[in-house]
Protein backbone atom coordinates (compact mmCIF):
# COMPACT_ATOMS: atom_id res chain seq x y z
CA MET A 1 48.97 -19.30 -68.35
CA LYS A 2 49.63 -22.84 -66.14
CA ASN A 3 47.96 -22.32 -63.02
CA ASN A 4 50.35 -23.70 -60.98
CA ILE A 5 53.74 -22.24 -61.99
CA ILE A 6 55.74 -23.73 -58.63
CA ASN A 7 57.97 -26.75 -59.33
CA PRO A 8 57.20 -30.01 -57.00
CA ALA A 9 61.24 -29.88 -57.76
CA LEU A 10 61.44 -26.30 -56.24
CA THR A 11 58.96 -26.79 -53.42
CA VAL A 12 61.01 -30.39 -51.99
CA ARG A 13 65.02 -28.56 -52.51
CA ILE A 14 63.83 -24.81 -50.87
CA CYS A 15 61.59 -26.48 -47.72
CA MET A 16 64.71 -29.55 -47.22
CA ASP A 17 67.17 -25.98 -47.20
CA LEU A 18 64.86 -24.69 -44.11
CA ALA A 19 65.20 -28.60 -42.81
CA PHE A 20 69.21 -28.02 -42.89
CA PHE A 21 69.38 -24.58 -41.62
CA THR A 22 67.16 -24.63 -38.66
CA ARG A 23 68.82 -28.37 -37.39
CA LYS A 24 71.82 -26.92 -37.57
CA LEU A 25 70.85 -23.62 -35.75
CA GLU A 26 68.94 -26.08 -33.36
CA VAL A 27 65.08 -23.70 -33.72
CA LYS A 28 61.62 -25.11 -34.90
CA VAL A 29 60.26 -23.18 -37.72
CA LEU A 30 56.95 -21.21 -36.89
CA PHE A 31 54.42 -20.05 -39.93
CA ILE A 32 51.99 -17.47 -39.70
CA GLU A 33 50.23 -16.85 -42.55
CA SER A 34 47.36 -15.21 -44.14
CA CYS A 35 46.87 -14.21 -48.14
CA THR A 36 48.59 -18.10 -48.42
CA GLY A 37 45.92 -19.73 -46.09
CA GLY A 38 48.66 -22.06 -44.76
CA LEU A 39 50.46 -23.10 -47.96
CA ALA A 40 53.84 -22.49 -46.82
CA SER A 41 53.05 -24.57 -43.82
CA SER A 42 51.49 -27.43 -46.19
CA TRP A 43 54.59 -27.36 -47.81
CA ILE A 44 56.60 -27.81 -45.25
CA SER A 45 53.93 -30.66 -43.16
CA SER A 46 54.47 -32.68 -45.94
CA PHE A 47 57.73 -33.87 -45.37
CA ASN A 48 58.17 -37.06 -43.50
CA GLY A 49 60.29 -35.92 -40.09
CA SER A 50 59.53 -32.57 -40.35
CA SER A 51 58.20 -32.34 -36.99
CA SER A 52 61.83 -32.36 -36.04
CA TRP A 53 62.00 -28.63 -37.09
CA PHE A 54 58.87 -27.25 -37.46
CA GLU A 55 56.14 -26.34 -34.49
CA GLY A 56 53.51 -25.48 -36.70
CA SER A 57 51.39 -22.28 -38.18
CA LEU A 58 48.46 -20.16 -37.57
CA VAL A 59 46.28 -19.01 -40.01
CA THR A 60 45.48 -15.53 -39.21
CA TYR A 61 43.27 -15.22 -42.20
CA SER A 62 40.67 -11.73 -41.11
CA ASN A 63 41.98 -8.72 -38.34
CA ARG A 64 39.32 -10.71 -36.04
CA MET A 65 41.92 -13.81 -36.52
CA LYS A 66 44.92 -11.23 -36.25
CA ASN A 67 43.79 -9.21 -33.05
CA ILE A 68 42.79 -12.63 -31.04
CA PHE A 69 45.17 -14.98 -31.61
CA LEU A 70 48.24 -12.43 -32.81
CA LYS A 71 47.47 -9.78 -30.16
CA ILE A 72 47.41 -7.22 -33.01
CA SER A 73 45.92 -4.03 -31.65
CA GLU A 74 42.23 -3.06 -33.93
CA LYS A 75 44.34 0.05 -33.89
CA GLU A 76 47.25 -0.66 -35.61
CA LEU A 77 45.55 -2.44 -38.62
CA LEU A 78 43.13 0.44 -38.89
CA THR A 79 45.90 2.58 -39.21
CA HIS A 80 48.34 0.65 -41.54
CA GLY A 81 45.67 -1.62 -42.77
CA ALA A 82 45.98 -5.80 -42.43
CA VAL A 83 48.65 -5.49 -45.54
CA SER A 84 51.53 -3.52 -44.56
CA ASP A 85 55.21 -3.49 -43.10
CA GLN A 86 53.86 -2.72 -39.48
CA VAL A 87 51.33 -5.66 -39.31
CA ALA A 88 53.90 -8.19 -41.06
CA SER A 89 56.54 -7.65 -38.27
CA SER A 90 53.54 -7.83 -35.44
CA MET A 91 52.85 -10.92 -37.23
CA ALA A 92 56.57 -12.28 -37.45
CA ASN A 93 57.03 -10.80 -33.75
CA SER A 94 53.59 -11.59 -32.29
CA LEU A 95 54.57 -15.30 -30.41
CA LEU A 96 58.34 -14.46 -30.02
CA LYS A 97 57.02 -11.51 -27.11
CA GLN A 98 55.14 -14.69 -25.02
CA LYS A 99 59.02 -15.25 -24.63
CA VAL A 100 58.78 -18.39 -26.99
CA GLU A 101 62.16 -20.03 -27.25
CA ASN A 102 64.26 -21.61 -30.31
CA ILE A 103 62.00 -20.64 -32.81
CA VAL A 104 62.03 -18.53 -35.45
CA THR A 105 58.83 -17.19 -37.78
CA SER A 106 57.92 -15.89 -40.87
CA SER A 107 54.69 -14.14 -41.52
CA ILE A 108 52.58 -13.77 -44.68
CA THR A 109 50.08 -10.96 -45.67
CA GLY A 110 48.61 -9.76 -48.89
CA ILE A 111 46.33 -9.75 -51.42
CA ALA A 112 45.94 -12.72 -53.62
CA GLY A 113 43.40 -10.99 -55.65
CA PRO A 114 41.26 -11.10 -57.96
CA SER A 115 39.37 -9.18 -56.49
CA GLY A 116 40.38 -7.49 -52.89
CA GLY A 117 43.61 -4.61 -54.56
CA SER A 118 43.76 -0.93 -54.70
CA GLN A 119 45.52 1.82 -56.31
CA LYS A 120 47.60 1.97 -52.91
CA LYS A 121 47.77 -1.58 -52.52
CA PRO A 122 47.19 -4.14 -55.68
CA VAL A 123 46.21 -7.42 -56.16
CA GLY A 124 49.93 -9.15 -55.71
CA LEU A 125 51.53 -7.27 -52.73
CA VAL A 126 52.48 -8.92 -50.15
CA PHE A 127 54.18 -7.93 -46.91
CA PHE A 128 56.45 -10.41 -45.41
CA GLY A 129 57.69 -10.63 -41.72
CA TRP A 130 60.85 -12.88 -40.23
CA ALA A 131 61.54 -13.21 -36.90
CA GLY A 132 64.21 -14.97 -34.86
CA PRO A 133 67.50 -14.04 -33.13
CA TRP A 134 68.46 -11.64 -35.67
CA GLY A 135 65.06 -9.79 -34.49
CA VAL A 136 62.83 -8.92 -36.50
CA ASP A 137 63.15 -8.04 -40.59
CA THR A 138 60.78 -7.33 -43.17
CA SER A 139 59.59 -7.02 -46.87
CA HIS A 140 57.64 -6.88 -49.45
CA LYS A 141 57.15 -8.02 -53.26
CA LYS A 142 54.15 -7.26 -56.22
CA PHE A 143 53.93 -9.80 -57.45
CA THR A 144 52.02 -11.34 -60.36
CA GLY A 145 49.33 -13.79 -62.01
CA ASN A 146 46.38 -15.57 -60.72
CA ARG A 147 45.79 -16.08 -57.43
CA GLN A 148 47.18 -19.30 -56.84
CA GLN A 149 50.53 -18.26 -58.55
CA ILE A 150 50.76 -15.11 -55.99
CA ARG A 151 49.97 -17.46 -52.98
CA GLU A 152 52.57 -20.26 -54.42
CA GLU A 153 54.89 -17.37 -55.58
CA ALA A 154 54.17 -15.64 -52.10
CA ALA A 155 54.85 -19.00 -50.06
CA LYS A 156 57.92 -19.40 -52.04
CA TYR A 157 59.64 -16.40 -51.27
CA ALA A 158 58.58 -16.62 -47.68
CA ILE A 159 60.53 -19.88 -46.98
CA ILE A 160 63.91 -19.30 -48.90
CA ASN A 161 63.88 -15.75 -46.89
CA LEU A 162 63.95 -17.62 -44.27
CA ALA A 163 66.05 -20.16 -44.86
CA LYS A 164 68.48 -16.94 -45.77
CA ARG A 165 67.89 -15.25 -42.15
CA VAL A 166 68.44 -18.80 -40.32
CA ALA A 167 71.50 -19.93 -42.41
CA VAL A 168 73.37 -16.27 -41.45
CA ASN A 169 72.83 -16.54 -38.26
CA LEU A 170 74.17 -20.43 -37.91
């Protein structure tokens, strides 16, 4: 099995779609990533001119970083776990609570493996959050493959679904 399953042309296409829709809606993108470690943001920022539609990103890998930078309470993290619908929602909504205007966000939190999984939360389980004029939406998926494949699939899924949400709000 290949280590890299994402076709570079597909990466370009999904990022260009996101760029098109965010420019039309006149918003900028902010990613809050955990298990992908900034991969989605790296793809986006590799485009010349991305500063016109990409505000930036935060990699909040640990619970401590989620608490300090995103103000997600220790109680929420302990009650639901960092890999949960509730935390994905809080991550996506965290900066919008600060009244940041014309921003849409995407959050990614999960277990990329190869260790760290459990029966309840297996390796490959990733939760997503998207926030913008539509409110906050969440979803989760179970990806298969090695660590890099899971990270790439999660980044791709987050970008595609943010683009869809922005497009619907044009």
